[in-house]
Amino acid sequence: MSDQPPGRRTVAGGALAGSTLAPVSTIPATAASGSSPKCTVKAFYDSYRLRDLQASWDRYIHPDAVMHVPGFDRQSWLEMDSKIVAAFGDLAITVLDQLAEDDKVATRSVLIRPGFPAGRG
């Protein structure tokens, strides 16, 4: 099991761990309570297509999330992603594959913008 307190998520280099959801009606119901952590993470990335990042983060990222990327906390990461989405309105995140153990999920994804060559990370 996780070494995090219940309901707390950790974000590490873009990977989200945890499965507790806050109710937000504007997010698709694809990640209902009790869904697998992999499904929850995929639903988070899919929710970026709605362009309401504040609602996405309110639903999927715990307010006390620990960001394991130097210089970023929850708010600064959300602000960065919001600027990227605003600049590239047709941007989509595609999940390539995921590895999961208990409630920890590592996700490899790619940002796709129609008309631009896709890069793989």
Foldseek 3Di string as FASTA:
>chain_A
DDPDDAPAWEAEPRWIFHQDWDDDVVQDCQRPRPDALVSLSQSLQQRVLVLPLVSSCNTRHDPQYHYNDPPDDPVVVSVVVNVVCVVQVQKGKAWPDWDDDHRTIDTFIWIDHPPDDTDGD
